[in-house]
Amino acid sequence: MEETKRKNMHPLRVLQDVLSGRLFSKVFLIKYRWYVLFLFGVALMYMATHYYMEKTEKEMKKERLKLVELREKYTRRFINQESLIKQSTIIRAIKEREIDIKAPKEPPKKIKIN
């Protein structure tokens, strides 16, 4: 009995079974159907997970690029705004536009209302 099992397990015998189609015959599928279905399910899960992860990675890369662009825009606008706030820049802009506004000589005063 053990000799027949050893003969059946011989690599050439397994190769012959695969090539002849006996490996996937009705007997094999019926005997190991749950194992085959399990392996098929695991393979499907692996493929689905791989596809999902790849898709998610691409989306994350796109979002990172958008974030970098938004940071650059924010930095540029912030620097422009800071330069406009400076008093010398404001005075120069008033002179360029020839607006008749002069800087006050006294500091502003608080008005208290009772």
PDB file of N, CA and C in Angstrom:
ATOM      1  N   MET A   1       0.819  -1.186   0.000  1.00  0.00           N
ATOM      2  CA  MET A   1       0.000   0.000   0.000  1.00  0.00           C
ATOM      3  C   MET A   1       0.868   1.257   0.000  1.00  0.00           C
ATOM      4  N   GLU A   2       1.901   1.267   0.822  1.00  0.00           N
ATOM      5  CA  GLU A   2       2.777   2.435   0.880  1.00  0.00           C
ATOM      6  C   GLU A   2       3.548   2.610  -0.430  1.00  0.00           C
ATOM      7  N   GLU A   3       3.872   1.492  -1.075  1.00  0.00           N
ATOM      8  CA  GLU A   3       4.601   1.588  -2.342  1.00  0.00           C
ATOM      9  C   GLU A   3       3.749   2.236  -3.417  1.00  0.00           C
ATOM     10  N   THR A   4       2.446   1.933  -3.447  1.00  0.00           N
ATOM     11  CA  THR A   4       1.581   2.556  -4.450  1.00  0.00           C
ATOM     12  C   THR A   4       1.446   4.051  -4.194  1.00  0.00           C
ATOM     13  N   LYS A   5       1.385   4.447  -2.922  1.00  0.00           N
ATOM     14  CA  LYS A   5       1.320   5.869  -2.614  1.00  0.00           C
ATOM     15  C   LYS A   5       2.602   6.557  -3.039  1.00  0.00           C
ATOM     16  N   ARG A   6       3.723   5.895  -2.805  1.00  0.00           N
ATOM     17  CA  ARG A   6       5.004   6.486  -3.212  1.00  0.00           C
ATOM     18  C   ARG A   6       5.104   6.597  -4.723  1.00  0.00           C
ATOM     19  N   LYS A   7       4.607   5.602  -5.439  1.00  0.00           N
ATOM     20  CA  LYS A   7       4.642   5.653  -6.900  1.00  0.00           C
ATOM     21  C   LYS A   7       3.754   6.785  -7.412  1.00  0.00           C
ATOM     22  N   ASN A   8       2.599   6.974  -6.776  1.00  0.00           N
ATOM     23  CA  ASN A   8       1.686   8.034  -7.197  1.00  0.00           C
ATOM     24  C   ASN A   8       2.261   9.418  -6.909  1.00  0.00           C
ATOM     25  N   MET A   9       3.092   9.532  -5.898  1.00  0.00           N
ATOM     26  CA  MET A   9       3.657  10.818  -5.523  1.00  0.00           C
ATOM     27  C   MET A   9       4.946  11.132  -6.289  1.00  0.00           C
ATOM     28  N   HIS A  10       5.392  10.258  -7.116  1.00  0.00           N
ATOM     29  CA  HIS A  10       6.608  10.471  -7.889  1.00  0.00           C
ATOM     30  C   HIS A  10       6.412  11.703  -8.779  1.00  0.00           C
ATOM     31  N   PRO A  11       7.425  12.588  -8.872  1.00  0.00           N
ATOM     32  CA  PRO A  11       7.267  13.829  -9.656  1.00  0.00           C
ATOM     33  C   PRO A  11       6.862  13.590 -11.106  1.00  0.00           C
ATOM     34  N   LEU A  12       7.374  12.546 -11.701  1.00  0.00           N
ATOM     35  CA  LEU A  12       6.995  12.274 -13.094  1.00  0.00           C
ATOM     36  C   LEU A  12       5.529  11.879 -13.189  1.00  0.00           C
ATOM     37  N   ARG A  13       5.050  11.153 -12.192  1.00  0.00           N
ATOM     38  CA  ARG A  13       3.646  10.732 -12.174  1.00  0.00           C
ATOM     39  C   ARG A  13       2.730  11.974 -12.033  1.00  0.00           C
ATOM     40  N   VAL A  14       3.115  12.897 -11.160  1.00  0.00           N
ATOM     41  CA  VAL A  14       2.326  14.124 -10.980  1.00  0.00           C
ATOM     42  C   VAL A  14       2.327  14.935 -12.264  1.00  0.00           C
ATOM     43  N   LEU A  15       3.489  15.046 -12.909  1.00  0.00           N
ATOM     44  CA  LEU A  15       3.582  15.776 -14.172  1.00  0.00           C
ATOM     45  C   LEU A  15       2.724  15.123 -15.245  1.00  0.00           C
ATOM     46  N   GLN A  16       2.743  13.783 -15.279  1.00  0.00           N
ATOM     47  CA  GLN A  16       1.933  13.056 -16.243  1.00  0.00           C
ATOM     48  C   GLN A  16       0.443  13.288 -15.977  1.00  0.00           C
ATOM     49  N   ASP A  17       0.043  13.323 -14.709  1.00  0.00           N
ATOM     50  CA  ASP A  17      -1.359  13.573 -14.363  1.00  0.00           C
ATOM     51  C   ASP A  17      -1.790  14.977 -14.784  1.00  0.00           C
ATOM     52  N   VAL A  18      -0.899  15.953 -14.598  1.00  0.00           N
ATOM     53  CA  VAL A  18      -1.224  17.328 -14.982  1.00  0.00           C
ATOM     54  C   VAL A  18      -1.383  17.434 -16.487  1.00  0.00           C
ATOM     55  N   LEU A  19      -0.449  16.863 -17.225  1.00  0.00           N
ATOM     56  CA  LEU A  19      -0.490  16.963 -18.686  1.00  0.00           C
ATOM     57  C   LEU A  19      -1.653  16.185 -19.291  1.00  0.00           C
ATOM     58  N   SER A  20      -2.000  15.087 -18.693  1.00  0.00           N
ATOM     59  CA  SER A  20      -3.092  14.279 -19.253  1.00  0.00           C
ATOM     60  C   SER A  20      -4.461  14.831 -18.858  1.00  0.00           C
ATOM     61  N   GLY A  21      -4.498  15.646 -17.826  1.00  0.00           N
ATOM     62  CA  GLY A  21      -5.777  16.212 -17.400  1.00  0.00           C
ATOM     63  C   GLY A  21      -6.429  15.423 -16.284  1.00  0.00           C
ATOM     64  N   ARG A  22      -5.805  14.346 -15.867  1.00  0.00           N
ATOM     65  CA  ARG A  22      -6.378  13.531 -14.797  1.00  0.00           C
ATOM     66  C   ARG A  22      -6.381  14.290 -13.467  1.00  0.00           C
ATOM     67  N   LEU A  23      -5.456  15.216 -13.328  1.00  0.00           N
ATOM     68  CA  LEU A  23      -5.368  15.962 -12.074  1.00  0.00           C
ATOM     69  C   LEU A  23      -6.637  16.769 -11.825  1.00  0.00           C
ATOM     70  N   PHE A  24      -7.237  17.254 -12.908  1.00  0.00           N
ATOM     71  CA  PHE A  24      -8.444  18.066 -12.780  1.00  0.00           C
ATOM     72  C   PHE A  24      -9.700  17.286 -13.175  1.00  0.00           C
ATOM     73  N   SER A  25      -9.633  16.002 -13.078  1.00  0.00           N
ATOM     74  CA  SER A  25     -10.799  15.183 -13.418  1.00  0.00           C
ATOM     75  C   SER A  25     -11.865  15.318 -12.348  1.00  0.00           C
ATOM     76  N   LYS A  26     -13.001  14.728 -12.593  1.00  0.00           N
ATOM     77  CA  LYS A  26     -14.118  14.819 -11.664  1.00  0.00           C
ATOM     78  C   LYS A  26     -13.754  14.299 -10.281  1.00  0.00           C
ATOM     79  N   VAL A  27     -13.002  13.231 -10.235  1.00  0.00           N
ATOM     80  CA  VAL A  27     -12.642  12.630  -8.955  1.00  0.00           C
ATOM     81  C   VAL A  27     -11.808  13.598  -8.128  1.00  0.00           C
ATOM     82  N   PHE A  28     -10.848  14.217  -8.770  1.00  0.00           N
ATOM     83  CA  PHE A  28      -9.986  15.173  -8.055  1.00  0.00           C
ATOM     84  C   PHE A  28     -10.791  16.361  -7.568  1.00  0.00           C
ATOM     85  N   LEU A  29     -11.634  16.919  -8.432  1.00  0.00           N
ATOM     86  CA  LEU A  29     -12.416  18.091  -8.052  1.00  0.00           C
ATOM     87  C   LEU A  29     -13.421  17.775  -6.953  1.00  0.00           C
ATOM     88  N   ILE A  30     -14.009  16.616  -7.014  1.00  0.00           N
ATOM     89  CA  ILE A  30     -14.972  16.233  -5.979  1.00  0.00           C
ATOM     90  C   ILE A  30     -14.257  15.995  -4.656  1.00  0.00           C
ATOM     91  N   LYS A  31     -13.126  15.350  -4.716  1.00  0.00           N
ATOM     92  CA  LYS A  31     -12.402  15.003  -3.490  1.00  0.00           C
ATOM     93  C   LYS A  31     -11.856  16.249  -2.794  1.00  0.00           C
ATOM     94  N   TYR A  32     -11.333  17.200  -3.543  1.00  0.00           N
ATOM     95  CA  TYR A  32     -10.667  18.377  -2.970  1.00  0.00           C
ATOM     96  C   TYR A  32     -11.394  19.679  -3.298  1.00  0.00           C
ATOM     97  N   ARG A  33     -12.697  19.618  -3.491  1.00  0.00           N
ATOM     98  CA  ARG A  33     -13.428  20.805  -3.938  1.00  0.00           C
ATOM     99  C   ARG A  33     -13.344  21.959  -2.944  1.00  0.00           C
ATOM    100  N   TRP A  34     -13.449  21.695  -1.655  1.00  0.00           N
ATOM    101  CA  TRP A  34     -13.397  22.772  -0.673  1.00  0.00           C
ATOM    102  C   TRP A  34     -12.013  23.405  -0.626  1.00  0.00           C
ATOM    103  N   TYR A  35     -10.994  22.592  -0.764  1.00  0.00           N
ATOM    104  CA  TYR A  35      -9.634  23.124  -0.769  1.00  0.00           C
ATOM    105  C   TYR A  35      -9.407  23.980  -2.017  1.00  0.00           C
ATOM    106  N   VAL A  36      -9.884  23.505  -3.156  1.00  0.00           N
ATOM    107  CA  VAL A  36      -9.738  24.256  -4.410  1.00  0.00           C
ATOM    108  C   VAL A  36     -10.527  25.563  -4.331  1.00  0.00           C
ATOM    109  N   LEU A  37     -11.745  25.514  -3.803  1.00  0.00           N
ATOM    110  CA  LEU A  37     -12.539  26.735  -3.653  1.00  0.00           C
ATOM    111  C   LEU A  37     -11.872  27.712  -2.685  1.00  0.00           C
ATOM    112  N   PHE A  38     -11.303  27.190  -1.621  1.00  0.00           N
ATOM    113  CA  PHE A  38     -10.588  28.039  -0.676  1.00  0.00           C
ATOM    114  C   PHE A  38      -9.404  28.734  -1.353  1.00  0.00           C
ATOM    115  N   LEU A  39      -8.619  27.975  -2.106  1.00  0.00           N
ATOM    116  CA  LEU A  39      -7.471  28.566  -2.808  1.00  0.00           C
ATOM    117  C   LEU A  39      -7.931  29.593  -3.839  1.00  0.00           C
ATOM    118  N   PHE A  40      -9.022  29.291  -4.527  1.00  0.00           N
ATOM    119  CA  PHE A  40      -9.569  30.228  -5.501  1.00  0.00           C
ATOM    120  C   PHE A  40     -10.016  31.515  -4.799  1.00  0.00           C
ATOM    121  N   GLY A  41     -10.682  31.382  -3.661  1.00  0.00           N
ATOM    122  CA  GLY A  41     -11.123  32.547  -2.886  1.00  0.00           C
ATOM    123  C   GLY A  41      -9.952  33.374  -2.394  1.00  0.00           C
ATOM    124  N   VAL A  42      -8.906  32.704  -1.907  1.00  0.00           N
ATOM    125  CA  VAL A  42      -7.719  33.426  -1.436  1.00  0.00           C
ATOM    126  C   VAL A  42      -7.072  34.180  -2.590  1.00  0.00           C
ATOM    127  N   ALA A  43      -6.999  33.543  -3.756  1.00  0.00           N
ATOM    128  CA  ALA A  43      -6.416  34.205  -4.925  1.00  0.00           C
ATOM    129  C   ALA A  43      -7.238  35.433  -5.319  1.00  0.00           C
ATOM    130  N   LEU A  44      -8.568  35.318  -5.295  1.00  0.00           N
ATOM    131  CA  LEU A  44      -9.418  36.464  -5.621  1.00  0.00           C
ATOM    132  C   LEU A  44      -9.239  37.596  -4.611  1.00  0.00           C
ATOM    133  N   MET A  45      -9.169  37.246  -3.344  1.00  0.00           N
ATOM    134  CA  MET A  45      -8.968  38.256  -2.305  1.00  0.00           C
ATOM    135  C   MET A  45      -7.624  38.967  -2.489  1.00  0.00           C
ATOM    136  N   TYR A  46      -6.602  38.204  -2.827  1.00  0.00           N
ATOM    137  CA  TYR A  46      -5.275  38.785  -3.044  1.00  0.00           C
ATOM    138  C   TYR A  46      -5.310  39.766  -4.212  1.00  0.00           C
ATOM    139  N   MET A  47      -5.940  39.371  -5.302  1.00  0.00           N
ATOM    140  CA  MET A  47      -6.006  40.252  -6.474  1.00  0.00           C
ATOM    141  C   MET A  47      -6.821  41.506  -6.171  1.00  0.00           C
ATOM    142  N   ALA A  48      -7.947  41.336  -5.474  1.00  0.00           N
ATOM    143  CA  ALA A  48      -8.788  42.484  -5.155  1.00  0.00           C
ATOM    144  C   ALA A  48      -8.052  43.449  -4.228  1.00  0.00           C
ATOM    145  N   THR A  49      -7.361  42.921  -3.246  1.00  0.00           N
ATOM    146  CA  THR A  49      -6.615  43.763  -2.312  1.00  0.00           C
ATOM    147  C   THR A  49      -5.501  44.509  -3.027  1.00  0.00           C
ATOM    148  N   HIS A  50      -4.805  43.812  -3.906  1.00  0.00           N
ATOM    149  CA  HIS A  50      -3.715  44.434  -4.656  1.00  0.00           C
ATOM    150  C   HIS A  50      -4.258  45.568  -5.532  1.00  0.00           C
ATOM    151  N   TYR A  51      -5.363  45.336  -6.215  1.00  0.00           N
ATOM    152  CA  TYR A  51      -5.962  46.360  -7.072  1.00  0.00           C
ATOM    153  C   TYR A  51      -6.397  47.563  -6.235  1.00  0.00           C
ATOM    154  N   TYR A  52      -7.039  47.312  -5.118  1.00  0.00           N
ATOM    155  CA  TYR A  52      -7.517  48.386  -4.251  1.00  0.00           C
ATOM    156  C   TYR A  52      -6.354  49.216  -3.721  1.00  0.00           C
ATOM    157  N   MET A  53      -5.291  48.556  -3.271  1.00  0.00           N
ATOM    158  CA  MET A  53      -4.134  49.270  -2.734  1.00  0.00           C
ATOM    159  C   MET A  53      -3.462  50.115  -3.816  1.00  0.00           C
ATOM    160  N   GLU A  54      -3.367  49.580  -5.013  1.00  0.00           N
ATOM    161  CA  GLU A  54      -2.749  50.325  -6.119  1.00  0.00           C
ATOM    162  C   GLU A  54      -3.569  51.569  -6.445  1.00  0.00           C
ATOM    163  N   LYS A  55      -4.892  51.410  -6.484  1.00  0.00           N
ATOM    164  CA  LYS A  55      -5.781  52.538  -6.767  1.00  0.00           C
ATOM    165  C   LYS A  55      -5.670  53.603  -5.669  1.00  0.00           C
ATOM    166  N   THR A  56      -5.644  53.162  -4.423  1.00  0.00           N
ATOM    167  CA  THR A  56      -5.533  54.085  -3.301  1.00  0.00           C
ATOM    168  C   THR A  56      -4.204  54.825  -3.325  1.00  0.00           C
ATOM    169  N   GLU A  57      -3.149  54.122  -3.674  1.00  0.00           N
ATOM    170  CA  GLU A  57      -1.827  54.750  -3.747  1.00  0.00           C
ATOM    171  C   GLU A  57      -1.790  55.839  -4.816  1.00  0.00           C
ATOM    172  N   LYS A  58      -2.406  55.586  -5.960  1.00  0.00           N
ATOM    173  CA  LYS A  58      -2.451  56.595  -7.024  1.00  0.00           C
ATOM    174  C   LYS A  58      -3.225  57.833  -6.570  1.00  0.00           C
ATOM    175  N   GLU A  59      -4.351  57.609  -5.891  1.00  0.00           N
ATOM    176  CA  GLU A  59      -5.141  58.738  -5.396  1.00  0.00           C
ATOM    177  C   GLU A  59      -4.358  59.544  -4.364  1.00  0.00           C
ATOM    178  N   MET A  60      -3.637  58.860  -3.487  1.00  0.00           N
ATOM    179  CA  MET A  60      -2.841  59.561  -2.482  1.00  0.00           C
ATOM    180  C   MET A  60      -1.749  60.401  -3.137  1.00  0.00           C
ATOM    181  N   LYS A  61      -1.142  59.879  -4.194  1.00  0.00           N
ATOM    182  CA  LYS A  61      -0.099  60.626  -4.889  1.00  0.00           C
ATOM    183  C   LYS A  61      -0.672  61.895  -5.522  1.00  0.00           C
ATOM    184  N   LYS A  62      -1.861  61.782  -6.131  1.00  0.00           N
ATOM    185  CA  LYS A  62      -2.512  62.955  -6.717  1.00  0.00           C
ATOM    186  C   LYS A  62      -2.823  63.998  -5.648  1.00  0.00           C
ATOM    187  N   GLU A  63      -3.335  63.536  -4.512  1.00  0.00           N
ATOM    188  CA  GLU A  63      -3.682  64.464  -3.434  1.00  0.00           C
ATOM    189  C   GLU A  63      -2.442  65.149  -2.857  1.00  0.00           C
ATOM    190  N   ARG A  64      -1.328  64.410  -2.772  1.00  0.00           N
ATOM    191  CA  ARG A  64      -0.080  65.032  -2.298  1.00  0.00           C
ATOM    192  C   ARG A  64       0.366  66.135  -3.245  1.00  0.00           C
ATOM    193  N   LEU A  65       0.267  65.895  -4.543  1.00  0.00           N
ATOM    194  CA  LEU A  65       0.642  66.926  -5.521  1.00  0.00           C
ATOM    195  C   LEU A  65      -0.258  68.158  -5.394  1.00  0.00           C
ATOM    196  N   LYS A  66      -1.559  67.939  -5.202  1.00  0.00           N
ATOM    197  CA  LYS A  66      -2.474  69.069  -5.012  1.00  0.00           C
ATOM    198  C   LYS A  66      -2.112  69.852  -3.759  1.00  0.00           C
ATOM    199  N   LEU A  67      -1.764  69.132  -2.699  1.00  0.00           N
ATOM    200  CA  LEU A  67      -1.397  69.783  -1.446  1.00  0.00           C
ATOM    201  C   LEU A  67      -0.152  70.640  -1.614  1.00  0.00           C
ATOM    202  N   VAL A  68       0.835  70.135  -2.354  1.00  0.00           N
ATOM    203  CA  VAL A  68       2.059  70.903  -2.593  1.00  0.00           C
ATOM    204  C   VAL A  68       1.728  72.174  -3.377  1.00  0.00           C
ATOM    205  N   GLU A  69       0.878  72.054  -4.394  1.00  0.00           N
ATOM    206  CA  GLU A  69       0.486  73.228  -5.176  1.00  0.00           C
ATOM    207  C   GLU A  69      -0.236  74.261  -4.305  1.00  0.00           C
ATOM    208  N   LEU A  70      -1.144  73.788  -3.452  1.00  0.00           N
ATOM    209  CA  LEU A  70      -1.877  74.715  -2.587  1.00  0.00           C
ATOM    210  C   LEU A  70      -0.946  75.410  -1.594  1.00  0.00           C
ATOM    211  N   ARG A  71       0.034  74.688  -1.077  1.00  0.00           N
ATOM    212  CA  ARG A  71       1.007  75.308  -0.170  1.00  0.00           C
ATOM    213  C   ARG A  71       1.796  76.399  -0.886  1.00  0.00           C
ATOM    214  N   GLU A  72       2.214  76.114  -2.125  1.00  0.00           N
ATOM    215  CA  GLU A  72       2.964  77.109  -2.897  1.00  0.00           C
ATOM    216  C   GLU A  72       2.114  78.359  -3.133  1.00  0.00           C
ATOM    217  N   LYS A  73       0.851  78.170  -3.514  1.00  0.00           N
ATOM    218  CA  LYS A  73      -0.039  79.320  -3.731  1.00  0.00           C
ATOM    219  C   LYS A  73      -0.207  80.127  -2.454  1.00  0.00           C
ATOM    220  N   TYR A  74      -0.428  79.418  -1.341  1.00  0.00           N
ATOM    221  CA  TYR A  74      -0.603  80.099  -0.060  1.00  0.00           C
ATOM    222  C   TYR A  74       0.641  80.899   0.298  1.00  0.00           C
ATOM    223  N   THR A  75       1.821  80.322   0.124  1.00  0.00           N
ATOM    224  CA  THR A  75       3.068  81.006   0.470  1.00  0.00           C
ATOM    225  C   THR A  75       3.251  82.249  -0.396  1.00  0.00           C
ATOM    226  N   ARG A  76       2.990  82.114  -1.692  1.00  0.00           N
ATOM    227  CA  ARG A  76       3.124  83.276  -2.581  1.00  0.00           C
ATOM    228  C   ARG A  76       2.170  84.392  -2.182  1.00  0.00           C
ATOM    229  N   ARG A  77       0.922  84.039  -1.940  1.00  0.00           N
ATOM    230  CA  ARG A  77      -0.063  85.064  -1.574  1.00  0.00           C
ATOM    231  C   ARG A  77       0.265  85.692  -0.219  1.00  0.00           C
ATOM    232  N   PHE A  78       0.743  84.892   0.708  1.00  0.00           N
ATOM    233  CA  PHE A  78       1.097  85.407   2.028  1.00  0.00           C
ATOM    234  C   PHE A  78       2.246  86.401   1.922  1.00  0.00           C
ATOM    235  N   ILE A  79       3.245  86.071   1.117  1.00  0.00           N
ATOM    236  CA  ILE A  79       4.385  86.977   0.936  1.00  0.00           C
ATOM    237  C   ILE A  79       3.933  88.262   0.266  1.00  0.00           C
ATOM    238  N   ASN A  80       3.082  88.165  -0.746  1.00  0.00           N
ATOM    239  CA  ASN A  80       2.559  89.370  -1.413  1.00  0.00           C
ATOM    240  C   ASN A  80       1.766  90.226  -0.438  1.00  0.00           C
ATOM    241  N   GLN A  81       0.956  89.598   0.384  1.00  0.00           N
ATOM    242  CA  GLN A  81       0.151  90.335   1.365  1.00  0.00           C
ATOM    243  C   GLN A  81       1.039  91.020   2.392  1.00  0.00           C
ATOM    244  N   GLU A  82       2.067  90.341   2.845  1.00  0.00           N
ATOM    245  CA  GLU A  82       2.990  90.924   3.816  1.00  0.00           C
ATOM    246  C   GLU A  82       3.701  92.141   3.230  1.00  0.00           C
ATOM    247  N   SER A  83       4.075  92.054   1.952  1.00  0.00           N
ATOM    248  CA  SER A  83       4.764  93.189   1.337  1.00  0.00           C
ATOM    249  C   SER A  83       3.819  94.375   1.169  1.00  0.00           C
ATOM    250  N   LEU A  84       2.528  94.123   0.950  1.00  0.00           N
ATOM    251  CA  LEU A  84       1.566  95.220   0.815  1.00  0.00           C
ATOM    252  C   LEU A  84       1.300  95.911   2.143  1.00  0.00           C
ATOM    253  N   ILE A  85       1.445  95.204   3.223  1.00  0.00           N
ATOM    254  CA  ILE A  85       1.148  95.770   4.538  1.00  0.00           C
ATOM    255  C   ILE A  85       2.196  96.794   4.970  1.00  0.00           C
ATOM    256  N   LYS A  86       3.387  96.657   4.502  1.00  0.00           N
ATOM    257  CA  LYS A  86       4.459  97.576   4.913  1.00  0.00           C
ATOM    258  C   LYS A  86       4.081  99.022   4.566  1.00  0.00           C
ATOM    259  N   GLN A  87       4.381  99.906   5.487  1.00  0.00           N
ATOM    260  CA  GLN A  87       3.998 101.312   5.330  1.00  0.00           C
ATOM    261  C   GLN A  87       4.669 101.945   4.117  1.00  0.00           C
ATOM    262  N   SER A  88       5.915 101.617   3.878  1.00  0.00           N
ATOM    263  CA  SER A  88       6.618 102.228   2.747  1.00  0.00           C
ATOM    264  C   SER A  88       5.987 101.810   1.418  1.00  0.00           C
ATOM    265  N   THR A  89       5.525 100.599   1.343  1.00  0.00           N
ATOM    266  CA  THR A  89       4.885 100.129   0.122  1.00  0.00           C
ATOM    267  C   THR A  89       3.570 100.867  -0.100  1.00  0.00           C
ATOM    268  N   ILE A  90       2.846 101.101   0.958  1.00  0.00           N
ATOM    269  CA  ILE A  90       1.569 101.813   0.853  1.00  0.00           C
ATOM    270  C   ILE A  90       1.802 103.255   0.411  1.00  0.00           C
ATOM    271  N   ILE A  91       2.796 103.914   0.994  1.00  0.00           N
ATOM    272  CA  ILE A  91       3.103 105.300   0.615  1.00  0.00           C
ATOM    273  C   ILE A  91       3.522 105.381  -0.850  1.00  0.00           C
ATOM    274  N   ARG A  92       4.345 104.434  -1.286  1.00  0.00           N
ATOM    275  CA  ARG A  92       4.783 104.412  -2.690  1.00  0.00           C
ATOM    276  C   ARG A  92       3.586 104.212  -3.622  1.00  0.00           C
ATOM    277  N   ALA A  93       2.662 103.329  -3.259  1.00  0.00           N
ATOM    278  CA  ALA A  93       1.486 103.086  -4.096  1.00  0.00           C
ATOM    279  C   ALA A  93       0.608 104.332  -4.182  1.00  0.00           C
ATOM    280  N   ILE A  94       0.496 105.068  -3.087  1.00  0.00           N
ATOM    281  CA  ILE A  94      -0.299 106.307  -3.085  1.00  0.00           C
ATOM    282  C   ILE A  94       0.342 107.340  -4.004  1.00  0.00           C
ATOM    283  N   LYS A  95       1.668 107.449  -3.947  1.00  0.00           N
ATOM    284  CA  LYS A  95       2.362 108.423  -4.805  1.00  0.00           C
ATOM    285  C   LYS A  95       2.255 108.049  -6.275  1.00  0.00           C
ATOM    286  N   GLU A  96       2.356 106.759  -6.578  1.00  0.00           N
ATOM    287  CA  GLU A  96       2.275 106.308  -7.977  1.00  0.00           C
ATOM    288  C   GLU A  96       0.901 106.600  -8.571  1.00  0.00           C
ATOM    289  N   ARG A  97      -0.118 106.474  -7.783  1.00  0.00           N
ATOM    290  CA  ARG A  97      -1.476 106.696  -8.272  1.00  0.00           C
ATOM    291  C   ARG A  97      -1.901 108.165  -8.158  1.00  0.00           C
ATOM    292  N   GLU A  98      -1.036 108.959  -7.604  1.00  0.00           N
ATOM    293  CA  GLU A  98      -1.273 110.392  -7.455  1.00  0.00           C
ATOM    294  C   GLU A  98      -2.555 110.687  -6.685  1.00  0.00           C
ATOM    295  N   ILE A  99      -2.710 109.998  -5.587  1.00  0.00           N
ATOM    296  CA  ILE A  99      -3.862 110.229  -4.713  1.00  0.00           C
ATOM    297  C   ILE A  99      -3.445 111.285  -3.685  1.00  0.00           C
ATOM    298  N   ASP A 100      -4.330 112.198  -3.403  1.00  0.00           N
ATOM    299  CA  ASP A 100      -4.006 113.295  -2.482  1.00  0.00           C
ATOM    300  C   ASP A 100      -4.315 112.881  -1.043  1.00  0.00           C
ATOM    301  N   ILE A 101      -3.491 111.977  -0.521  1.00  0.00           N
ATOM    302  CA  ILE A 101      -3.627 111.542   0.872  1.00  0.00           C
ATOM    303  C   ILE A 101      -2.277 111.753   1.533  1.00  0.00           C
ATOM    304  N   LYS A 102      -2.314 112.303   2.762  1.00  0.00           N
ATOM    305  CA  LYS A 102      -1.058 112.518   3.490  1.00  0.00           C
ATOM    306  C   LYS A 102      -1.104 111.734   4.794  1.00  0.00           C
ATOM    307  N   ALA A 103       0.037 111.344   5.281  1.00  0.00           N
ATOM    308  CA  ALA A 103       0.127 110.599   6.542  1.00  0.00           C
ATOM    309  C   ALA A 103      -0.181 111.539   7.703  1.00  0.00           C
ATOM    310  N   PRO A 104      -0.909 111.062   8.701  1.00  0.00           N
ATOM    311  CA  PRO A 104      -1.211 111.934   9.846  1.00  0.00           C
ATOM    312  C   PRO A 104       0.044 112.217  10.662  1.00  0.00           C
ATOM    313  N   LYS A 105       0.085 113.414  11.250  1.00  0.00           N
ATOM    314  CA  LYS A 105       1.252 113.787  12.045  1.00  0.00           C
ATOM    315  C   LYS A 105       1.073 113.365  13.505  1.00  0.00           C
ATOM    316  N   GLU A 106      -0.173 113.216  13.935  1.00  0.00           N
ATOM    317  CA  GLU A 106      -0.456 112.785  15.300  1.00  0.00           C
ATOM    318  C   GLU A 106      -0.907 111.322  15.286  1.00  0.00           C
ATOM    319  N   PRO A 107      -0.584 110.602  16.351  1.00  0.00           N
ATOM    320  CA  PRO A 107      -1.048 109.206  16.407  1.00  0.00           C
ATOM    321  C   PRO A 107      -2.566 109.156  16.602  1.00  0.00           C
ATOM    322  N   PRO A 108      -3.195 108.078  16.251  1.00  0.00           N
ATOM    323  CA  PRO A 108      -4.649 107.983  16.408  1.00  0.00           C
ATOM    324  C   PRO A 108      -5.050 108.005  17.885  1.00  0.00           C
ATOM    325  N   LYS A 109      -6.253 108.507  18.143  1.00  0.00           N
ATOM    326  CA  LYS A 109      -6.756 108.594  19.520  1.00  0.00           C
ATOM    327  C   LYS A 109      -7.950 107.666  19.682  1.00  0.00           C
ATOM    328  N   LYS A 110      -8.109 107.139  20.906  1.00  0.00           N
ATOM    329  CA  LYS A 110      -9.271 106.288  21.203  1.00  0.00           C
ATOM    330  C   LYS A 110     -10.424 107.173  21.638  1.00  0.00           C
ATOM    331  N   ILE A 111     -11.581 106.832  21.186  1.00  0.00           N
ATOM    332  CA  ILE A 111     -12.784 107.541  21.589  1.00  0.00           C
ATOM    333  C   ILE A 111     -13.568 106.612  22.492  1.00  0.00           C
ATOM    334  N   LYS A 112     -13.817 107.073  23.717  1.00  0.00           N
ATOM    335  CA  LYS A 112     -14.579 106.257  24.662  1.00  0.00           C
ATOM    336  C   LYS A 112     -16.015 106.730  24.697  1.00  0.00           C
ATOM    337  N   ILE A 113     -16.912 105.787  24.601  1.00  0.00           N
ATOM    338  CA  ILE A 113     -18.347 106.088  24.653  1.00  0.00           C
ATOM    339  C   ILE A 113     -18.887 105.502  25.955  1.00  0.00           C
ATOM    340  N   ASN A 114     -19.542 106.361  26.759  1.00  0.00           N
ATOM    341  CA  ASN A 114     -20.097 105.899  28.045  1.00  0.00           C
ATOM    342  C   ASN A 114     -21.488 105.395  27.888  1.00  0.00           C
TER     343      ASN A 114
END
